[in-house]
Amino acid sequence: MVDSTDSPPDYQAELDTTGLYCPEPIMLMHNKVRDMRAGEVLKVVASDPATTRDVPRFCSFLGHELVHQQELDGCYLYFIRLG
């Protein structure tokens, strides 16, 4: 995983899960990655602190790479390269 001090990578799709709580962000991520190809990057915006645990597990379990993670003003940003 890339350090949060690095700039975020370019991305091909974005998913805003702000205002949603576990398990909804992960369920929406599952649906979104089905429409994407390996190597593409998905940007996820979330407000649920549980995503700091759930998104890395999602990536590990499904073989995706969490390339950037950042907290900014109460929102969590994730950039996931699909495996």
N, C-alpha and C. Protein backbone atom coordinates (compact mmCIF):
# COMPACT_ATOMS: atom_id res chain seq x y z
N MET A 1 0.84 -1.18 0.00
CA MET A 1 0.00 0.00 0.00
C MET A 1 0.89 1.24 0.00
N VAL A 2 0.49 2.22 -0.78
CA VAL A 2 1.24 3.46 -0.87
C VAL A 2 0.94 4.32 0.35
N ASP A 3 1.95 4.98 0.82
CA ASP A 3 1.85 5.89 1.95
C ASP A 3 0.88 7.04 1.62
N SER A 4 0.14 7.49 2.62
CA SER A 4 -0.85 8.54 2.40
C SER A 4 -0.21 9.89 2.06
N THR A 5 1.11 10.03 2.17
CA THR A 5 1.76 11.29 1.82
C THR A 5 1.99 11.38 0.31
N ASP A 6 1.95 10.26 -0.40
CA ASP A 6 2.09 10.27 -1.86
C ASP A 6 0.80 10.78 -2.49
N SER A 7 0.92 11.28 -3.73
CA SER A 7 -0.31 11.73 -4.39
C SER A 7 -1.14 10.54 -4.85
N PRO A 8 -2.45 10.73 -4.84
CA PRO A 8 -3.34 9.66 -5.27
C PRO A 8 -3.13 9.34 -6.74
N PRO A 9 -3.34 8.10 -7.13
CA PRO A 9 -3.16 7.71 -8.53
C PRO A 9 -4.35 8.14 -9.39
N ASP A 10 -4.16 8.09 -10.70
CA ASP A 10 -5.28 8.29 -11.61
C ASP A 10 -6.25 7.13 -11.41
N TYR A 11 -7.52 7.37 -11.71
CA TYR A 11 -8.51 6.31 -11.51
C TYR A 11 -9.50 6.32 -12.67
N GLN A 12 -10.12 5.17 -12.90
CA GLN A 12 -11.05 5.01 -14.00
C GLN A 12 -12.51 5.08 -13.55
N ALA A 13 -12.78 4.86 -12.28
CA ALA A 13 -14.15 4.88 -11.77
C ALA A 13 -14.14 5.39 -10.33
N GLU A 14 -15.26 5.95 -9.91
CA GLU A 14 -15.39 6.50 -8.56
C GLU A 14 -16.69 6.00 -7.94
N LEU A 15 -16.62 5.72 -6.65
CA LEU A 15 -17.79 5.28 -5.90
C LEU A 15 -17.87 6.11 -4.63
N ASP A 16 -18.96 6.83 -4.46
CA ASP A 16 -19.17 7.66 -3.26
C ASP A 16 -20.13 6.94 -2.33
N THR A 17 -19.62 6.49 -1.18
CA THR A 17 -20.45 5.79 -0.21
C THR A 17 -20.68 6.64 1.04
N THR A 18 -20.46 7.93 0.92
CA THR A 18 -20.63 8.85 2.03
C THR A 18 -22.04 8.73 2.61
N GLY A 19 -22.11 8.63 3.94
CA GLY A 19 -23.40 8.52 4.61
C GLY A 19 -23.89 7.09 4.79
N LEU A 20 -23.19 6.14 4.20
CA LEU A 20 -23.58 4.74 4.32
C LEU A 20 -22.70 4.05 5.36
N TYR A 21 -23.27 3.04 6.00
CA TYR A 21 -22.55 2.32 7.05
C TYR A 21 -22.48 0.84 6.71
N CYS A 22 -21.52 0.18 7.34
CA CYS A 22 -21.28 -1.24 7.15
C CYS A 22 -22.59 -2.01 7.22
N PRO A 23 -22.83 -2.88 6.27
CA PRO A 23 -21.96 -3.41 5.21
C PRO A 23 -22.18 -2.75 3.84
N GLU A 24 -22.96 -1.68 3.77
CA GLU A 24 -23.32 -1.10 2.47
C GLU A 24 -22.12 -0.65 1.61
N PRO A 25 -21.11 0.04 2.16
CA PRO A 25 -19.99 0.43 1.30
C PRO A 25 -19.32 -0.78 0.62
N ILE A 26 -19.13 -1.84 1.35
CA ILE A 26 -18.47 -3.03 0.78
C ILE A 26 -19.38 -3.70 -0.26
N MET A 27 -20.66 -3.75 0.01
CA MET A 27 -21.59 -4.34 -0.96
C MET A 27 -21.58 -3.54 -2.27
N LEU A 28 -21.57 -2.22 -2.17
CA LEU A 28 -21.52 -1.39 -3.37
C LEU A 28 -20.19 -1.54 -4.10
N MET A 29 -19.10 -1.71 -3.35
CA MET A 29 -17.80 -1.94 -3.98
C MET A 29 -17.81 -3.24 -4.78
N HIS A 30 -18.39 -4.29 -4.21
CA HIS A 30 -18.51 -5.57 -4.92
C HIS A 30 -19.22 -5.37 -6.26
N ASN A 31 -20.31 -4.64 -6.25
CA ASN A 31 -21.07 -4.39 -7.48
C ASN A 31 -20.26 -3.57 -8.48
N LYS A 32 -19.56 -2.56 -8.01
CA LYS A 32 -18.81 -1.66 -8.89
C LYS A 32 -17.66 -2.38 -9.57
N VAL A 33 -16.91 -3.20 -8.84
CA VAL A 33 -15.75 -3.86 -9.44
C VAL A 33 -16.17 -4.89 -10.50
N ARG A 34 -17.39 -5.37 -10.45
CA ARG A 34 -17.87 -6.30 -11.48
C ARG A 34 -17.92 -5.64 -12.85
N ASP A 35 -18.08 -4.31 -12.88
CA ASP A 35 -18.15 -3.57 -14.14
C ASP A 35 -16.79 -3.07 -14.61
N MET A 36 -15.73 -3.43 -13.90
CA MET A 36 -14.39 -2.94 -14.21
C MET A 36 -13.49 -4.09 -14.63
N ARG A 37 -12.32 -3.72 -15.20
CA ARG A 37 -11.35 -4.72 -15.65
C ARG A 37 -10.12 -4.73 -14.75
N ALA A 38 -9.42 -5.84 -14.78
CA ALA A 38 -8.17 -5.96 -14.01
C ALA A 38 -7.22 -4.84 -14.42
N GLY A 39 -6.56 -4.26 -13.42
CA GLY A 39 -5.61 -3.19 -13.65
C GLY A 39 -6.21 -1.80 -13.53
N GLU A 40 -7.53 -1.70 -13.64
CA GLU A 40 -8.17 -0.39 -13.48
C GLU A 40 -8.20 -0.01 -12.00
N VAL A 41 -8.30 1.30 -11.75
CA VAL A 41 -8.29 1.81 -10.38
C VAL A 41 -9.66 2.40 -10.05
N LEU A 42 -10.16 2.00 -8.89
CA LEU A 42 -11.42 2.50 -8.36
C LEU A 42 -11.13 3.43 -7.19
N LYS A 43 -11.70 4.64 -7.24
CA LYS A 43 -11.62 5.57 -6.11
C LYS A 43 -12.90 5.40 -5.30
N VAL A 44 -12.74 5.19 -4.00
CA VAL A 44 -13.88 5.04 -3.10
C VAL A 44 -13.81 6.16 -2.06
N VAL A 45 -14.93 6.85 -1.88
CA VAL A 45 -15.05 7.88 -0.85
C VAL A 45 -16.04 7.36 0.18
N ALA A 46 -15.66 7.40 1.45
CA ALA A 46 -16.51 6.85 2.51
C ALA A 46 -16.48 7.76 3.73
N SER A 47 -17.52 7.65 4.54
CA SER A 47 -17.55 8.39 5.81
C SER A 47 -17.58 7.45 7.01
N ASP A 48 -17.78 6.17 6.77
CA ASP A 48 -17.86 5.18 7.85
C ASP A 48 -16.44 4.78 8.29
N PRO A 49 -16.08 5.03 9.55
CA PRO A 49 -14.75 4.66 10.03
C PRO A 49 -14.46 3.15 9.92
N ALA A 50 -15.50 2.33 9.88
CA ALA A 50 -15.30 0.89 9.76
C ALA A 50 -14.64 0.52 8.43
N THR A 51 -14.70 1.42 7.45
CA THR A 51 -14.06 1.12 6.16
C THR A 51 -12.55 1.03 6.29
N THR A 52 -11.97 1.66 7.31
CA THR A 52 -10.51 1.56 7.50
C THR A 52 -10.10 0.12 7.78
N ARG A 53 -11.01 -0.67 8.28
CA ARG A 53 -10.78 -2.09 8.51
C ARG A 53 -11.29 -2.92 7.33
N ASP A 54 -12.48 -2.57 6.84
CA ASP A 54 -13.16 -3.39 5.84
C ASP A 54 -12.54 -3.31 4.45
N VAL A 55 -12.11 -2.13 4.01
CA VAL A 55 -11.57 -1.99 2.66
C VAL A 55 -10.26 -2.78 2.49
N PRO A 56 -9.29 -2.68 3.42
CA PRO A 56 -8.09 -3.51 3.27
C PRO A 56 -8.41 -5.01 3.25
N ARG A 57 -9.36 -5.45 4.06
CA ARG A 57 -9.75 -6.86 4.06
C ARG A 57 -10.40 -7.25 2.73
N PHE A 58 -11.26 -6.38 2.21
CA PHE A 58 -11.89 -6.59 0.91
C PHE A 58 -10.81 -6.82 -0.15
N CYS A 59 -9.82 -5.94 -0.17
CA CYS A 59 -8.74 -6.03 -1.16
C CYS A 59 -7.94 -7.32 -1.00
N SER A 60 -7.57 -7.62 0.22
CA SER A 60 -6.78 -8.82 0.49
C SER A 60 -7.54 -10.08 0.10
N PHE A 61 -8.80 -10.16 0.46
CA PHE A 61 -9.61 -11.33 0.21
C PHE A 61 -9.84 -11.56 -1.29
N LEU A 62 -10.02 -10.47 -2.04
CA LEU A 62 -10.35 -10.59 -3.46
C LEU A 62 -9.16 -10.40 -4.40
N GLY A 63 -7.97 -10.18 -3.85
CA GLY A 63 -6.78 -10.07 -4.69
C GLY A 63 -6.60 -8.73 -5.36
N HIS A 64 -7.17 -7.67 -4.80
CA HIS A 64 -6.99 -6.32 -5.31
C HIS A 64 -5.87 -5.64 -4.51
N GLU A 65 -5.33 -4.55 -5.06
CA GLU A 65 -4.25 -3.83 -4.40
C GLU A 65 -4.76 -2.47 -3.91
N LEU A 66 -4.64 -2.23 -2.63
CA LEU A 66 -4.98 -0.93 -2.06
C LEU A 66 -3.74 -0.05 -2.26
N VAL A 67 -3.79 0.82 -3.28
CA VAL A 67 -2.60 1.58 -3.65
C VAL A 67 -2.48 2.92 -2.93
N HIS A 68 -3.59 3.40 -2.39
CA HIS A 68 -3.54 4.67 -1.67
C HIS A 68 -4.73 4.74 -0.71
N GLN A 69 -4.47 5.24 0.48
CA GLN A 69 -5.51 5.39 1.50
C GLN A 69 -5.24 6.70 2.22
N GLN A 70 -6.31 7.46 2.47
CA GLN A 70 -6.13 8.77 3.08
C GLN A 70 -7.39 9.18 3.82
N GLU A 71 -7.21 9.84 4.96
CA GLU A 71 -8.35 10.45 5.67
C GLU A 71 -8.26 11.95 5.46
N LEU A 72 -9.37 12.56 5.09
CA LEU A 72 -9.38 13.98 4.79
C LEU A 72 -10.70 14.58 5.28
N ASP A 73 -10.63 15.40 6.31
CA ASP A 73 -11.81 16.09 6.84
C ASP A 73 -12.97 15.15 7.16
N GLY A 74 -12.69 14.04 7.82
CA GLY A 74 -13.75 13.11 8.21
C GLY A 74 -14.20 12.17 7.11
N CYS A 75 -13.59 12.27 5.94
CA CYS A 75 -13.88 11.33 4.85
C CYS A 75 -12.65 10.45 4.62
N TYR A 76 -12.91 9.26 4.16
CA TYR A 76 -11.85 8.31 3.89
C TYR A 76 -11.79 8.07 2.39
N LEU A 77 -10.60 8.18 1.82
CA LEU A 77 -10.39 7.96 0.40
C LEU A 77 -9.56 6.69 0.21
N TYR A 78 -9.99 5.88 -0.74
CA TYR A 78 -9.28 4.64 -1.06
C TYR A 78 -9.13 4.56 -2.57
N PHE A 79 -7.96 4.13 -3.01
CA PHE A 79 -7.72 3.88 -4.42
C PHE A 79 -7.31 2.42 -4.54
N ILE A 80 -8.12 1.66 -5.26
CA ILE A 80 -7.97 0.21 -5.34
C ILE A 80 -7.70 -0.20 -6.78
N ARG A 81 -6.55 -0.85 -7.01
CA ARG A 81 -6.23 -1.40 -8.33
C ARG A 81 -6.75 -2.83 -8.38
N LEU A 82 -7.62 -3.09 -9.34
CA LEU A 82 -8.25 -4.41 -9.43
C LEU A 82 -7.25 -5.46 -9.88
N GLY A 83 -7.31 -6.60 -9.22
CA GLY A 83 -6.43 -7.73 -9.53
C GLY A 83 -7.03 -8.62 -10.60
